[in-house]
Protein backbone atom coordinates (compact mmCIF):
# COMPACT_ATOMS: atom_id res chain seq x y z
CA MET A 1 131.11 41.22 50.66
CA SER A 2 134.77 42.31 50.63
CA GLU A 3 137.59 40.05 51.83
CA ASN A 4 138.09 42.20 54.94
CA GLN A 5 134.37 42.09 55.78
CA LEU A 6 134.30 38.32 55.26
CA SER A 7 137.35 37.86 57.50
CA SER A 8 135.77 40.09 60.16
CA SER A 9 132.51 38.15 59.94
CA ARG A 10 134.35 34.85 60.38
CA ARG A 11 136.22 36.18 63.42
CA SER A 12 132.94 37.40 64.92
CA ASN A 13 131.25 34.04 64.33
CA SER A 14 134.20 32.09 65.76
CA ARG A 15 134.26 34.34 68.86
CA GLN A 16 130.55 33.83 69.39
CA GLU A 17 130.98 30.07 69.02
CA LEU A 18 133.82 30.21 71.58
CA VAL A 19 131.62 32.07 74.07
CA GLU A 20 128.80 29.58 73.61
CA LEU A 21 131.22 26.68 74.07
CA VAL A 22 132.68 28.21 77.25
CA ARG A 23 129.20 28.92 78.61
CA SER A 24 127.94 25.37 77.99
CA GLN A 25 131.08 23.75 79.43
CA LEU A 26 131.08 26.12 82.42
CA GLN A 27 127.45 25.33 83.15
CA ALA A 28 128.11 21.59 82.92
CA LEU A 29 131.10 21.80 85.28
CA LEU A 30 129.14 23.89 87.79
CA GLN A 31 126.26 21.41 87.69
CA GLN A 32 128.81 18.66 88.49
CA GLU A 33 130.22 20.90 91.28
CA ASN A 34 133.63 20.65 89.62
CA LEU A 35 134.84 24.09 90.69
CA GLN A 36 138.51 23.42 89.97
CA GLY A 37 137.68 22.36 86.42
CA ALA A 38 135.49 25.44 85.93
CA LYS A 39 138.25 27.70 87.25
CA ALA A 40 140.80 26.13 84.88
CA LEU A 41 138.39 26.54 81.97
CA LEU A 42 138.22 30.32 82.45
CA ILE A 43 141.97 30.97 82.77
CA PRO A 44 142.75 31.38 79.01
CA VAL A 45 139.48 33.19 78.18
CA GLN A 46 139.37 36.97 77.60
CA PRO A 47 137.49 39.02 80.28
CA ALA A 48 134.86 40.27 77.77
CA ASP A 49 134.13 36.69 76.69
CA ILE A 50 133.96 35.49 80.31
CA ALA A 51 131.42 38.23 81.04
CA GLN A 52 129.28 37.19 78.07
CA ALA A 53 129.45 33.55 79.14
CA ILE A 54 128.39 34.44 82.71
CA ASP A 55 125.54 36.60 81.35
CA GLY A 56 124.11 33.48 79.68
CA LEU A 57 124.24 31.27 82.78
CA PRO A 58 121.22 30.60 85.00
CA GLU A 59 121.00 33.27 87.71
CA ALA A 60 121.83 30.81 90.49
CA MET A 61 125.16 29.96 88.80
CA GLN A 62 126.30 33.48 87.96
CA ALA A 63 127.63 34.34 91.42
CA ILE A 64 129.38 30.96 91.71
CA ALA A 65 131.13 31.40 88.37
CA PHE A 66 132.14 34.95 89.22
CA ARG A 67 133.70 33.90 92.54
CA LEU A 68 136.02 31.54 90.66
CA LEU A 69 137.88 34.54 89.20
CA SER A 70 140.91 36.13 90.80
CA LYS A 71 140.37 39.58 92.28
CA ASP A 72 142.08 41.46 89.44
CA GLU A 73 140.28 39.47 86.78
CA ALA A 74 136.95 39.81 88.58
CA ILE A 75 137.25 43.60 88.54
CA GLU A 76 137.84 43.62 84.77
CA VAL A 77 135.10 41.08 84.02
CA TYR A 78 132.59 42.93 86.20
CA GLU A 79 132.80 46.03 83.99
CA TYR A 80 131.74 43.98 80.95
CA LEU A 81 128.72 42.35 82.60
CA ASP A 82 125.16 43.38 81.81
CA PRO A 83 123.86 45.92 84.40
CA SER A 84 121.15 43.50 85.56
CA VAL A 85 123.77 40.83 86.26
CA GLN A 86 125.92 43.39 88.09
CA GLN A 87 122.98 44.20 90.33
CA SER A 88 122.19 40.56 91.08
CA LEU A 89 125.84 39.90 91.94
CA ILE A 90 125.86 42.84 94.35
CA ALA A 91 122.91 41.26 96.15
CA GLU A 92 124.84 37.97 96.41
CA PHE A 93 128.21 39.31 97.53
CA LYS A 94 129.38 39.99 101.03
CA HIS A 95 129.77 43.67 101.81
CA GLN A 96 133.56 43.73 101.53
CA ASP A 97 133.49 41.75 98.27
CA VAL A 98 131.34 44.45 96.74
CA LEU A 99 133.57 47.27 97.96
CA ASP A 100 136.74 45.65 96.63
CA ILE A 101 135.27 45.35 93.13
CA VAL A 102 133.43 48.67 92.99
CA ASP A 103 136.40 50.59 94.40
CA GLN A 104 138.67 49.27 91.63
CA MET A 105 136.26 50.02 88.77
CA SER A 106 137.00 52.96 86.48
CA PRO A 107 134.91 56.00 87.56
CA ASP A 108 132.84 56.16 84.34
CA ASP A 109 131.90 52.46 84.56
CA ARG A 110 131.14 52.89 88.26
CA ALA A 111 128.87 55.86 87.50
CA ARG A 112 126.94 53.77 84.95
CA LEU A 113 126.51 51.01 87.53
CA PHE A 114 125.26 53.48 90.14
CA ASP A 115 122.67 54.74 87.65
CA GLU A 116 121.08 51.28 87.76
CA LEU A 117 121.16 50.79 91.54
CA PRO A 118 118.67 51.98 94.18
CA ALA A 119 119.61 55.30 95.80
CA LYS A 120 120.16 53.73 99.24
CA VAL A 121 122.62 51.18 97.84
CA VAL A 122 124.49 53.90 95.94
CA TRP A 123 124.74 56.05 99.06
CA ARG A 124 126.09 53.15 101.12
CA LEU A 125 128.67 52.22 98.49
CA LEU A 126 129.80 55.82 98.05
CA GLN A 127 130.43 56.16 101.79
CA GLN A 128 132.72 53.12 101.75
CA LEU A 129 134.83 54.08 98.72
CA SER A 130 138.28 55.57 99.11
CA PRO A 131 138.23 59.40 99.20
CA GLU A 132 139.79 59.65 95.74
CA GLU A 133 137.33 57.23 94.11
CA ARG A 134 134.37 58.79 95.95
CA GLU A 135 135.34 62.24 94.65
CA ALA A 136 135.80 60.96 91.07
CA THR A 137 132.45 59.16 91.07
CA ALA A 138 130.57 62.04 92.69
CA LEU A 139 132.02 64.32 90.01
CA LEU A 140 130.54 62.17 87.23
CA LEU A 141 127.20 61.68 88.97
CA GLY A 142 126.87 65.46 89.18
CA TYR A 143 126.57 65.79 85.41
CA LYS A 144 123.42 65.28 83.39
CA VAL A 145 122.82 61.79 81.98
CA GLY A 146 123.67 61.59 78.28
CA THR A 147 126.40 64.25 78.36
CA ALA A 148 130.17 64.12 77.98
CA GLY A 149 130.56 64.83 81.69
CA ARG A 150 128.65 61.69 82.61
CA ILE A 151 130.56 59.29 80.34
CA MET A 152 134.06 60.75 80.76
CA THR A 153 136.74 59.34 83.01
CA PRO A 154 138.91 61.62 85.20
CA GLU A 155 141.80 59.15 84.90
CA TYR A 156 144.16 60.83 82.45
CA ILE A 157 147.73 62.11 82.45
CA SER A 158 148.37 65.86 82.27
CA LEU A 159 151.69 67.55 81.69
CA LYS A 160 153.05 71.10 82.01
CA GLU A 161 154.57 73.03 79.12
CA SER A 162 157.77 73.67 81.06
CA MET A 163 158.48 69.98 81.67
CA THR A 164 161.38 68.39 79.85
CA ILE A 165 160.76 65.20 77.89
CA ALA A 166 162.69 63.24 80.52
CA GLN A 167 160.47 64.65 83.30
CA ALA A 168 157.33 63.92 81.28
CA LEU A 169 158.34 60.29 80.70
CA GLU A 170 159.08 59.87 84.40
CA ARG A 171 155.63 61.24 85.27
CA ILE A 172 154.01 58.80 82.84
CA ARG A 173 155.86 55.86 84.41
CA ASN A 174 154.62 56.90 87.85
CA LEU A 175 150.97 57.35 86.80
CA ALA A 176 150.56 54.68 84.10
CA ASN A 177 148.92 52.13 86.40
CA ALA A 178 146.39 54.65 87.71
CA THR A 179 145.18 56.00 84.38
CA GLU A 180 142.91 54.57 81.73
CA ILE A 181 144.93 55.63 78.69
CA ILE A 182 148.49 56.86 78.13
CA TYR A 183 148.60 57.07 74.32
CA TYR A 184 147.29 60.65 74.40
CA LEU A 185 148.69 63.20 76.83
CA TYR A 186 147.23 66.58 77.73
CA VAL A 187 149.05 69.81 78.55
CA THR A 188 147.56 72.22 81.07
CA ASP A 189 148.63 75.51 82.62
CA SER A 190 148.74 76.40 86.33
CA GLN A 191 144.93 76.80 86.43
CA ARG A 192 144.42 73.36 84.77
CA ARG A 193 143.26 75.00 81.55
CA LEU A 194 143.83 72.82 78.50
CA THR A 195 146.56 74.33 76.30
CA GLY A 196 147.69 71.47 74.09
CA THR A 197 148.00 67.75 73.40
CA LEU A 198 150.66 65.32 72.30
CA SER A 199 150.91 61.60 71.71
CA LEU A 200 153.14 59.12 73.49
CA ARG A 201 154.83 58.53 70.14
CA ASP A 202 155.77 62.23 69.89
CA LEU A 203 157.16 62.10 73.41
CA VAL A 204 159.27 58.99 72.81
CA MET A 205 160.67 60.36 69.55
CA ALA A 206 161.71 63.71 71.11
CA GLN A 207 165.08 64.50 72.67
CA PRO A 208 165.25 64.24 76.50
CA GLU A 209 166.32 67.86 76.91
CA GLN A 210 163.48 69.29 74.84
CA THR A 211 160.42 70.74 76.61
CA VAL A 212 156.82 69.71 76.21
CA SER A 213 155.95 73.13 74.79
CA GLN A 214 158.29 72.51 71.84
CA ILE A 215 156.56 69.36 70.59
CA MET A 216 152.92 69.70 71.71
CA THR A 217 150.02 70.54 69.41
CA ARG A 218 148.25 73.74 70.39
CA GLU A 219 145.19 73.35 68.12
CA VAL A 220 143.13 71.16 70.43
CA VAL A 221 139.82 69.49 69.61
CA PHE A 222 137.72 69.16 72.77
CA VAL A 223 134.14 69.04 74.04
CA HIS A 224 132.47 70.56 77.09
CA THR A 225 130.98 68.66 80.00
CA ASP A 226 127.42 69.44 78.82
CA THR A 227 128.01 68.32 75.20
CA ASP A 228 125.53 65.63 74.17
CA GLN A 229 127.05 62.14 74.09
CA GLU A 230 125.98 61.64 70.47
CA GLU A 231 127.92 64.74 69.47
CA VAL A 232 130.94 63.40 71.38
CA ALA A 233 130.68 60.16 69.40
CA ARG A 234 130.51 62.08 66.13
CA VAL A 235 133.62 64.11 66.99
CA ILE A 236 135.64 61.00 67.88
CA GLN A 237 134.43 59.27 64.72
CA HIS A 238 135.22 62.30 62.54
CA TYR A 239 138.78 62.76 63.82
CA ASP A 240 139.53 59.05 64.42
CA PHE A 241 140.50 59.80 68.02
CA VAL A 242 141.22 57.17 70.65
CA ALA A 243 140.28 59.69 73.35
CA LEU A 244 138.78 63.17 73.48
CA PRO A 245 139.43 65.78 76.22
CA VAL A 246 136.50 67.25 78.15
CA VAL A 247 136.66 70.77 79.64
CA ASP A 248 134.36 72.75 81.91
CA THR A 249 132.99 76.25 81.31
CA GLU A 250 136.35 77.78 82.28
CA GLN A 251 138.30 75.58 79.83
CA ARG A 252 139.76 73.50 82.66
CA LEU A 253 140.48 69.90 81.78
CA VAL A 254 138.25 67.62 83.87
CA GLY A 255 138.34 64.30 82.01
CA ILE A 256 138.53 62.35 78.76
CA VAL A 257 136.06 60.24 76.79
CA THR A 258 137.64 57.09 75.35
CA VAL A 259 136.63 55.24 72.20
CA ASP A 260 135.30 52.23 74.15
CA ASP A 261 132.84 54.54 75.93
CA VAL A 262 131.76 55.92 72.55
CA ILE A 263 131.06 52.44 71.21
CA ASP A 264 128.72 51.89 74.16
CA VAL A 265 127.02 55.22 73.40
CA LEU A 266 126.56 54.37 69.72
CA GLN A 267 125.05 51.01 70.58
CA GLN A 268 122.74 52.58 73.16
CA GLU A 269 121.59 55.36 70.82
CA ALA A 270 121.11 52.99 67.86
CA THR A 271 119.02 50.65 70.01
CA GLU A 272 116.91 53.56 71.26
CA ASP A 273 116.31 54.84 67.71
CA ILE A 274 115.37 51.39 66.40
CA TYR A 275 112.91 50.86 69.27
CA THR A 276 111.41 54.30 68.70
CA LEU A 277 111.07 53.68 64.94
CA GLY A 278 109.06 50.58 65.78
CA GLY A 279 106.87 52.43 68.26
CA VAL A 280 108.46 50.65 71.23
CA GLN A 281 109.62 52.88 74.09
CA SER A 282 112.38 51.05 75.96
CA GLY A 283 113.23 53.88 78.33
CA GLY A 284 116.87 52.83 78.17
CA ASP A 285 116.15 49.46 79.83
CA ASN A 286 117.14 46.08 78.44
CA TYR A 287 113.94 45.20 76.61
CA PHE A 288 114.29 41.42 76.89
CA GLN A 289 114.94 41.57 80.64
CA THR A 290 112.08 43.94 81.42
CA ASN A 291 108.94 42.71 83.19
CA LEU A 292 106.20 41.75 80.68
CA VAL A 293 103.66 44.03 82.34
CA VAL A 294 106.06 46.98 81.95
CA VAL A 295 106.71 45.98 78.33
CA ALA A 296 102.99 45.89 77.56
CA ARG A 297 102.41 49.24 79.29
CA LYS A 298 105.14 50.91 77.22
CA ARG A 299 103.90 49.48 73.93
CA VAL A 300 100.17 49.97 74.45
CA VAL A 301 100.43 53.78 74.32
CA TRP A 302 101.63 53.77 70.73
CA LEU A 303 99.24 50.99 69.74
CA LEU A 304 96.23 52.84 71.18
CA LEU A 305 97.29 56.00 69.36
CA LEU A 306 97.61 54.12 66.08
CA LEU A 307 94.31 52.35 66.71
CA LEU A 308 92.49 55.63 67.21
CA THR A 309 94.14 57.09 64.09
CA ASN A 310 93.08 54.07 62.06
CA THR A 311 89.46 54.73 62.90
CA GLY A 312 89.80 57.62 60.44
CA THR A 313 90.02 55.02 57.65
CA ALA A 314 86.75 53.48 58.77
CA VAL A 315 85.11 56.93 58.82
CA VAL A 316 86.28 57.68 55.26
CA ILE A 317 85.00 54.32 53.97
CA GLN A 318 81.67 54.84 55.73
CA ASN A 319 81.24 58.27 54.10
CA GLN A 320 81.99 56.77 50.68
CA GLU A 321 79.70 53.78 51.19
CA ALA A 322 77.52 54.67 48.19
CA ILE A 323 80.28 54.34 45.59
CA LEU A 324 81.55 51.11 47.13
CA GLU A 325 78.05 49.61 46.93
CA GLN A 326 77.79 50.49 43.25
CA VAL A 327 81.33 49.46 42.28
CA VAL A 328 82.22 46.65 44.65
CA ALA A 329 85.46 45.96 42.73
CA LEU A 330 86.94 49.12 44.23
CA THR A 331 87.15 47.47 47.64
CA PHE A 332 89.51 44.79 46.33
CA PHE A 333 92.34 47.28 45.86
CA ILE A 334 92.11 49.23 49.15
CA PRO A 335 94.63 46.99 51.00
CA LEU A 336 97.02 47.19 48.04
CA LEU A 337 96.96 50.99 47.95
CA ILE A 338 97.29 51.67 51.66
CA ASP A 339 100.07 49.10 52.05
CA ALA A 340 102.01 50.53 49.10
CA GLY A 341 101.60 54.08 50.41
CA GLY A 342 102.65 53.08 53.90
CA ASN A 343 105.76 51.33 52.59
CA VAL A 344 106.80 54.34 50.48
CA GLY A 345 106.27 56.70 53.43
CA ALA A 346 108.20 54.41 55.76
CA GLN A 347 111.14 54.35 53.35
CA SER A 348 111.25 58.15 53.12
CA SER A 349 110.95 58.66 56.87
CA THR A 350 113.63 56.07 57.59
CA VAL A 351 116.27 57.63 55.32
CA VAL A 352 115.51 61.16 56.57
CA ILE A 353 115.53 60.16 60.25
CA ARG A 354 118.82 58.35 59.75
CA GLY A 355 120.26 61.32 57.86
CA LEU A 356 119.30 63.69 60.66
CA SER A 357 120.76 61.35 63.27
CA THR A 358 124.12 61.02 61.51
CA GLN A 359 124.11 64.64 60.27
CA GLU A 360 124.46 63.41 56.68
CA ILE A 361 121.66 65.79 55.71
CA ARG A 362 123.33 69.16 55.36
CA SER A 363 121.09 70.74 52.71
CA LYS A 364 117.91 72.64 53.47
CA ALA A 365 114.79 70.74 54.46
CA LEU A 366 112.87 71.87 51.37
CA ALA A 367 115.56 70.44 49.11
CA VAL A 368 115.41 67.05 50.83
CA ILE A 369 111.59 67.02 50.83
CA GLY A 370 111.58 67.99 47.15
CA ARG A 371 114.01 65.21 46.34
CA GLU A 372 111.89 62.64 48.18
CA GLY A 373 108.73 63.99 46.51
CA SER A 374 110.38 63.52 43.10
CA ALA A 375 111.43 60.00 44.05
CA GLY A 376 107.85 59.33 45.14
CA ALA A 377 106.56 60.59 41.78
CA ILE A 378 108.92 58.28 39.87
CA LEU A 379 108.00 55.32 42.09
CA GLY A 380 104.31 56.20 41.81
CA PHE A 381 104.48 56.32 38.00
CA MET A 382 106.25 52.96 37.80
CA LEU A 383 104.02 51.22 40.35
CA GLY A 384 100.88 52.92 39.05
CA THR A 385 101.51 51.77 35.48
CA VAL A 386 102.01 48.16 36.57
CA VAL A 387 98.98 48.21 38.87
CA THR A 388 96.73 49.77 36.22
CA ILE A 389 97.49 46.94 33.79
CA TRP A 390 97.12 44.34 36.52
CA ALA A 391 93.82 45.79 37.77
CA TYR A 392 92.37 45.77 34.23
CA PHE A 393 93.51 42.17 33.79
CA LEU A 394 91.71 41.20 37.00
CA GLN A 395 88.51 43.24 36.59
CA GLY A 396 88.24 44.10 32.89
CA ASN A 397 87.14 47.64 33.82
CA TRP A 398 89.33 50.52 32.63
CA GLY A 399 87.58 52.95 35.00
CA VAL A 400 88.50 50.92 38.06
CA ALA A 401 92.00 50.24 36.71
CA LEU A 402 92.71 53.93 36.06
CA SER A 403 91.32 54.85 39.49
CA VAL A 404 93.74 52.45 41.12
CA GLY A 405 96.74 53.56 39.04
CA ILE A 406 96.18 57.31 39.43
CA SER A 407 95.50 56.93 43.14
CA LEU A 408 98.68 54.93 43.67
CA PHE A 409 100.67 57.69 41.93
CA ALA A 410 99.10 60.39 44.14
CA ILE A 411 99.49 58.30 47.31
CA SER A 412 103.17 57.62 46.56
CA VAL A 413 103.90 61.34 46.18
CA LEU A 414 101.94 62.16 49.34
CA ALA A 415 103.66 59.41 51.33
CA SER A 416 107.15 60.47 50.23
CA VAL A 417 106.53 64.13 51.03
CA SER A 418 104.92 63.49 54.42
CA GLY A 419 107.45 60.77 55.31
CA SER A 420 110.33 63.21 54.74
CA ALA A 421 108.67 66.40 56.02
CA LEU A 422 107.34 65.21 59.38
CA PRO A 423 110.76 64.19 60.81
CA PHE A 424 112.06 67.67 59.90
CA LEU A 425 109.09 69.19 61.72
CA PHE A 426 109.84 67.18 64.86
CA HIS A 427 113.52 68.05 64.61
CA ARG A 428 112.65 71.75 64.31
CA PHE A 429 110.71 71.63 67.59
CA GLY A 430 113.59 69.90 69.38
CA LEU A 431 111.93 66.48 69.47
CA ASP A 432 113.47 63.16 68.47
CA PRO A 433 112.71 62.68 64.73
CA ALA A 434 112.44 58.94 65.39
CA LEU A 435 109.18 59.65 67.23
CA MET A 436 107.72 60.34 63.79
CA SER A 437 108.16 56.63 63.22
CA ALA A 438 107.14 54.37 60.37
CA PRO A 439 103.98 53.01 62.11
CA PHE A 440 102.64 56.54 62.68
CA ILE A 441 103.34 57.71 59.11
CA THR A 442 101.91 54.48 57.71
CA THR A 443 98.69 54.97 59.65
CA ALA A 444 98.36 58.62 58.57
CA VAL A 445 98.95 57.71 54.91
CA ASP A 446 96.32 54.94 55.19
CA VAL A 447 93.59 57.44 56.08
CA LEU A 448 94.53 59.96 53.39
CA GLY A 449 95.19 57.21 50.85
CA VAL A 450 91.68 55.76 51.13
CA PHE A 451 90.20 59.25 50.85
CA ILE A 452 92.24 60.00 47.69
CA TYR A 453 91.38 56.63 46.13
CA LEU A 454 87.64 56.88 46.61
CA THR A 455 87.61 60.54 45.55
CA VAL A 456 89.50 59.75 42.33
CA ALA A 457 87.23 56.78 41.66
CA ARG A 458 84.11 58.94 42.09
CA LEU A 459 85.47 61.48 39.58
CA ILE A 460 86.52 58.89 36.97
CA LEU A 461 83.50 56.60 37.29
CA GLN A 462 81.05 59.53 37.60
CA VAL A 463 79.19 57.76 40.38
């Protein structure tokens, strides 16, 4: 681990320890009904850490702890809270308390909150927002979930090309408190079409009498409102942007996506992919806060599918019952072969699915599949050689040993090819490659692996 990584790890651990300490002390003070002490405890703590500490409190204490915060701090902390905690707090608050907090939230965070709330609650809250905030939130809610339009914020600063630097700086001073970011500025024409960008640094370094058109950058990188949020994240990551402009079909600037929103997207997408790879469909919900009955219902679909697929292994073994009765030693190596094949296939599918997700795979599918097949052949030769020697040492029968070794070689090649090819097939049909997850590939390789093994054994042993 590099020195920078070690330092980062230490900072992360110390922050987590701080949050745990704050949470435990806060809980103790609330149990003692020492509200003044609890309020003093939270004063020097960062809003994100306060939110994490409140998330870990018993539900009955969460509303009490939240009410200890000043109004401005409460608004900031609320945006960091888990959606389930936000909902429970809404149920606890008085009507005006809710409106004060929700009205001051940034539109993109408010839209995410409304996604989690019942329709009637959303409608009531929308009616009570200020006209400006209601319009901004309704704009975001009108876009499809998972797109740039849904995660963008309409709080940005736009300038005109004809403005002088002095006029631009004055506009920034007037709007700074009402916008989410001022480091990047966007230039639009009379129809609000995006024509250029410039940074606050460029503006400060320019002469007061210069115009915006003289210092702005006209080659603008932007996304459209219907661009997938994963693509937005990739663009921001590629260009190292702090914010990215979003335009509609007529190239009019309608909002920006900031890097903190992208971090949330990356975490959400990574969690979804990991759950899917494990055959667990979360549906975007917090898995550990979902009702157990719902959890079981979501997981049982995959498990039933895998169970039915696994019956194919039993059918193959039943059809090859004669050879197993004559050479019982063959049965000893079935678990070894199917486990090895499943592991090889899972490795291939994992690297290909990840490559497709991050767009690291730029070559043709056949080239990638061929590469994985070659890797499977090398792995199969190495593992097969070792297993052949080991099987002979255990059984003293070269026929059985060769059957095991040759089968493992064939199974490794098959597993690598299928593990890399099936995600491409899903991707081609517009499906999430992660659906072709490791459990499914492992099960498929199990069935074919047993068939290959017993077929090879029948040919070698002449049974």
